[in-house]
N, C-alpha and C. Protein backbone atom coordinates (compact mmCIF):
# COMPACT_ATOMS: atom_id res chain seq x y z
N MET A 1 -72.97 19.69 -1.08
CA MET A 1 -71.93 18.82 -1.60
C MET A 1 -70.68 18.99 -0.73
N SER A 2 -70.05 17.91 -0.40
CA SER A 2 -68.85 17.96 0.44
C SER A 2 -67.67 18.50 -0.37
N VAL A 3 -66.66 18.97 0.33
CA VAL A 3 -65.44 19.45 -0.32
C VAL A 3 -64.83 18.33 -1.15
N ARG A 4 -64.76 17.13 -0.58
CA ARG A 4 -64.19 15.98 -1.30
C ARG A 4 -64.95 15.73 -2.60
N ALA A 5 -66.26 15.70 -2.52
CA ALA A 5 -67.08 15.44 -3.71
C ALA A 5 -66.89 16.52 -4.76
N LEU A 6 -66.80 17.77 -4.34
CA LEU A 6 -66.59 18.88 -5.27
C LEU A 6 -65.24 18.75 -5.97
N ILE A 7 -64.21 18.39 -5.22
CA ILE A 7 -62.88 18.23 -5.81
C ILE A 7 -62.87 17.10 -6.82
N ILE A 8 -63.43 15.97 -6.46
CA ILE A 8 -63.49 14.82 -7.38
C ILE A 8 -64.28 15.20 -8.63
N GLU A 9 -65.38 15.91 -8.45
CA GLU A 9 -66.19 16.34 -9.60
C GLU A 9 -65.38 17.24 -10.53
N GLN A 10 -64.64 18.19 -9.95
CA GLN A 10 -63.86 19.11 -10.77
C GLN A 10 -62.70 18.39 -11.48
N ILE A 11 -62.06 17.47 -10.80
CA ILE A 11 -60.99 16.69 -11.43
C ILE A 11 -61.54 15.93 -12.63
N THR A 12 -62.68 15.30 -12.45
CA THR A 12 -63.29 14.53 -13.53
C THR A 12 -63.68 15.44 -14.69
N LYS A 13 -64.31 16.57 -14.40
CA LYS A 13 -64.73 17.51 -15.46
C LYS A 13 -63.53 18.06 -16.23
N VAL A 14 -62.53 18.52 -15.50
CA VAL A 14 -61.36 19.10 -16.16
C VAL A 14 -60.64 18.03 -16.97
N GLY A 15 -60.53 16.84 -16.43
CA GLY A 15 -59.90 15.75 -17.17
C GLY A 15 -60.61 15.49 -18.49
N GLN A 16 -61.93 15.48 -18.46
CA GLN A 16 -62.72 15.27 -19.69
C GLN A 16 -62.55 16.44 -20.65
N GLN A 17 -62.63 17.65 -20.13
CA GLN A 17 -62.53 18.84 -20.99
C GLN A 17 -61.15 18.98 -21.64
N GLN A 18 -60.13 18.50 -20.95
CA GLN A 18 -58.77 18.61 -21.47
C GLN A 18 -58.31 17.32 -22.16
N ASP A 19 -59.24 16.40 -22.36
CA ASP A 19 -58.95 15.12 -23.02
C ASP A 19 -57.82 14.35 -22.35
N LYS A 20 -57.88 14.26 -21.03
CA LYS A 20 -56.87 13.54 -20.26
C LYS A 20 -57.43 12.19 -19.83
N ARG A 21 -56.58 11.21 -19.83
CA ARG A 21 -56.97 9.89 -19.33
C ARG A 21 -56.55 9.82 -17.86
N LEU A 22 -57.54 9.82 -16.98
CA LEU A 22 -57.27 9.86 -15.55
C LEU A 22 -57.03 8.47 -15.00
N ALA A 23 -56.11 8.39 -14.06
CA ALA A 23 -55.90 7.16 -13.30
C ALA A 23 -57.07 7.01 -12.34
N PRO A 24 -57.31 5.79 -11.85
CA PRO A 24 -58.36 5.63 -10.84
C PRO A 24 -58.06 6.53 -9.63
N LEU A 25 -59.03 7.32 -9.24
CA LEU A 25 -58.81 8.30 -8.17
C LEU A 25 -58.90 7.64 -6.80
N SER A 26 -57.84 7.83 -6.03
CA SER A 26 -57.80 7.35 -4.65
C SER A 26 -56.95 8.32 -3.85
N ASP A 27 -57.09 8.30 -2.54
CA ASP A 27 -56.31 9.20 -1.70
C ASP A 27 -54.81 9.00 -1.86
N ALA A 28 -54.37 7.78 -2.13
CA ALA A 28 -52.94 7.49 -2.24
C ALA A 28 -52.35 7.83 -3.61
N LEU A 29 -53.19 8.21 -4.57
CA LEU A 29 -52.72 8.49 -5.92
C LEU A 29 -51.84 9.74 -5.94
N PRO A 30 -50.59 9.62 -6.35
CA PRO A 30 -49.75 10.83 -6.51
C PRO A 30 -50.34 11.72 -7.60
N LEU A 31 -50.42 13.01 -7.34
CA LEU A 31 -50.98 13.93 -8.32
C LEU A 31 -50.21 13.86 -9.64
N MET A 32 -48.91 13.62 -9.57
CA MET A 32 -48.09 13.52 -10.78
C MET A 32 -48.48 12.31 -11.63
N ASP A 33 -49.11 11.32 -11.04
CA ASP A 33 -49.52 10.10 -11.75
C ASP A 33 -51.01 10.07 -12.07
N SER A 34 -51.70 11.18 -11.83
CA SER A 34 -53.16 11.21 -11.98
C SER A 34 -53.61 11.30 -13.44
N GLY A 35 -52.73 11.74 -14.31
CA GLY A 35 -53.11 11.98 -15.69
C GLY A 35 -53.36 13.45 -15.96
N LEU A 36 -53.34 14.27 -14.92
CA LEU A 36 -53.53 15.71 -15.05
C LEU A 36 -52.17 16.38 -15.22
N ASP A 37 -52.12 17.43 -16.04
CA ASP A 37 -50.89 18.20 -16.15
C ASP A 37 -51.03 19.48 -15.32
N SER A 38 -50.01 20.33 -15.34
CA SER A 38 -50.02 21.52 -14.50
C SER A 38 -51.14 22.49 -14.88
N LEU A 39 -51.49 22.56 -16.17
CA LEU A 39 -52.61 23.41 -16.58
C LEU A 39 -53.91 22.90 -15.97
N CYS A 40 -54.12 21.60 -16.00
CA CYS A 40 -55.33 21.01 -15.41
C CYS A 40 -55.41 21.33 -13.91
N ILE A 41 -54.30 21.17 -13.21
CA ILE A 41 -54.28 21.47 -11.77
C ILE A 41 -54.61 22.94 -11.54
N ALA A 42 -54.04 23.83 -12.36
CA ALA A 42 -54.32 25.26 -12.21
C ALA A 42 -55.80 25.57 -12.44
N ILE A 43 -56.39 24.94 -13.43
CA ILE A 43 -57.82 25.14 -13.70
C ILE A 43 -58.65 24.65 -12.52
N ILE A 44 -58.30 23.49 -11.99
CA ILE A 44 -59.03 22.93 -10.84
C ILE A 44 -58.92 23.86 -9.64
N VAL A 45 -57.72 24.34 -9.36
CA VAL A 45 -57.52 25.24 -8.22
C VAL A 45 -58.34 26.52 -8.40
N ALA A 46 -58.34 27.08 -9.60
CA ALA A 46 -59.11 28.30 -9.86
C ALA A 46 -60.61 28.05 -9.67
N ARG A 47 -61.10 26.93 -10.16
CA ARG A 47 -62.53 26.61 -10.01
C ARG A 47 -62.89 26.37 -8.54
N LEU A 48 -62.00 25.70 -7.82
CA LEU A 48 -62.27 25.46 -6.39
C LEU A 48 -62.23 26.76 -5.61
N ASP A 49 -61.31 27.65 -5.96
CA ASP A 49 -61.27 28.95 -5.29
C ASP A 49 -62.58 29.70 -5.49
N ASP A 50 -63.11 29.64 -6.72
CA ASP A 50 -64.39 30.30 -7.00
C ASP A 50 -65.55 29.63 -6.26
N ALA A 51 -65.59 28.31 -6.31
CA ALA A 51 -66.71 27.56 -5.71
C ALA A 51 -66.71 27.63 -4.20
N LEU A 52 -65.53 27.59 -3.59
CA LEU A 52 -65.43 27.53 -2.14
C LEU A 52 -65.10 28.88 -1.51
N ASP A 53 -64.75 29.85 -2.35
CA ASP A 53 -64.36 31.19 -1.89
C ASP A 53 -63.21 31.11 -0.88
N LEU A 54 -62.22 30.30 -1.21
CA LEU A 54 -61.03 30.22 -0.37
C LEU A 54 -59.84 29.80 -1.19
N ASP A 55 -58.66 30.21 -0.71
CA ASP A 55 -57.40 29.84 -1.35
C ASP A 55 -56.50 29.24 -0.29
N PRO A 56 -56.47 27.92 -0.20
CA PRO A 56 -55.68 27.29 0.86
C PRO A 56 -54.17 27.41 0.64
N PHE A 57 -53.76 27.91 -0.52
CA PHE A 57 -52.33 28.04 -0.81
C PHE A 57 -51.76 29.37 -0.36
N SER A 58 -52.59 30.39 -0.15
CA SER A 58 -52.10 31.69 0.28
C SER A 58 -51.92 31.69 1.79
N GLY A 59 -50.77 32.14 2.21
CA GLY A 59 -50.50 32.23 3.63
C GLY A 59 -50.34 30.89 4.32
N ASN A 60 -50.16 29.84 3.55
CA ASN A 60 -50.04 28.50 4.11
C ASN A 60 -48.60 28.04 3.92
N ASP A 61 -47.98 27.64 5.02
CA ASP A 61 -46.59 27.18 4.96
C ASP A 61 -46.48 25.69 4.63
N ALA A 62 -47.61 25.05 4.47
CA ALA A 62 -47.61 23.62 4.16
C ALA A 62 -47.04 23.40 2.76
N PRO A 63 -46.32 22.30 2.57
CA PRO A 63 -45.81 22.01 1.23
C PRO A 63 -46.94 21.69 0.27
N PHE A 64 -46.65 21.83 -1.03
CA PHE A 64 -47.65 21.51 -2.03
C PHE A 64 -48.04 20.04 -1.88
N PRO A 65 -49.33 19.73 -1.95
CA PRO A 65 -49.78 18.35 -1.77
C PRO A 65 -49.18 17.41 -2.81
N VAL A 66 -48.82 16.22 -2.36
CA VAL A 66 -48.20 15.23 -3.23
C VAL A 66 -49.25 14.26 -3.77
N THR A 67 -50.17 13.85 -2.92
CA THR A 67 -51.19 12.88 -3.31
C THR A 67 -52.56 13.55 -3.42
N LEU A 68 -53.49 12.85 -4.03
CA LEU A 68 -54.85 13.36 -4.10
C LEU A 68 -55.42 13.54 -2.70
N GLY A 69 -55.13 12.62 -1.81
CA GLY A 69 -55.59 12.74 -0.43
C GLY A 69 -55.05 13.99 0.24
N ASP A 70 -53.77 14.31 0.01
CA ASP A 70 -53.18 15.53 0.55
C ASP A 70 -53.90 16.77 0.02
N PHE A 71 -54.19 16.75 -1.27
CA PHE A 71 -54.87 17.87 -1.93
C PHE A 71 -56.26 18.08 -1.32
N ILE A 72 -56.99 16.99 -1.16
CA ILE A 72 -58.34 17.08 -0.59
C ILE A 72 -58.27 17.57 0.85
N ARG A 73 -57.36 17.01 1.64
CA ARG A 73 -57.24 17.43 3.05
C ARG A 73 -56.86 18.90 3.17
N LEU A 74 -56.03 19.40 2.27
CA LEU A 74 -55.65 20.81 2.28
C LEU A 74 -56.90 21.69 2.17
N TYR A 75 -57.77 21.34 1.24
CA TYR A 75 -59.01 22.11 1.07
C TYR A 75 -59.98 21.88 2.23
N GLU A 76 -60.09 20.66 2.71
CA GLU A 76 -60.99 20.38 3.83
C GLU A 76 -60.58 21.17 5.07
N HIS A 77 -59.29 21.24 5.35
CA HIS A 77 -58.82 21.98 6.52
C HIS A 77 -58.99 23.48 6.35
N ALA A 78 -58.81 23.98 5.14
CA ALA A 78 -58.98 25.40 4.88
C ALA A 78 -60.45 25.82 4.97
N ALA A 79 -61.35 24.88 4.70
CA ALA A 79 -62.79 25.19 4.73
C ALA A 79 -63.36 25.22 6.13
N VAL A 80 -62.58 24.79 7.11
CA VAL A 80 -63.09 24.73 8.49
C VAL A 80 -63.08 26.11 9.12
C-alpha cells in the first residue's frame, strides 16, 4: 500500500470512528477545513508513526502542513 493510500485510509477510518463529517479529500483541501479536529489529527499521526515506523515531525524544520497534499508529501518524503 502506498503512503498516500495509507494516509487516506487512516483519515477515513478516524473520521468514521470519531463521528466526523469529512470534506471531499483532495490535495488542495486545507486540513482545517477537512472536518477533522486536533484530536483526530493526533490519532492519525500516531497511527501513521506506528504503521510506517517514522516520525516526519521530529527533527524537521518544515512548517506544519496546511493542506492534505502537504501532509501527504511530508510523509512521502520522510519515507524515502
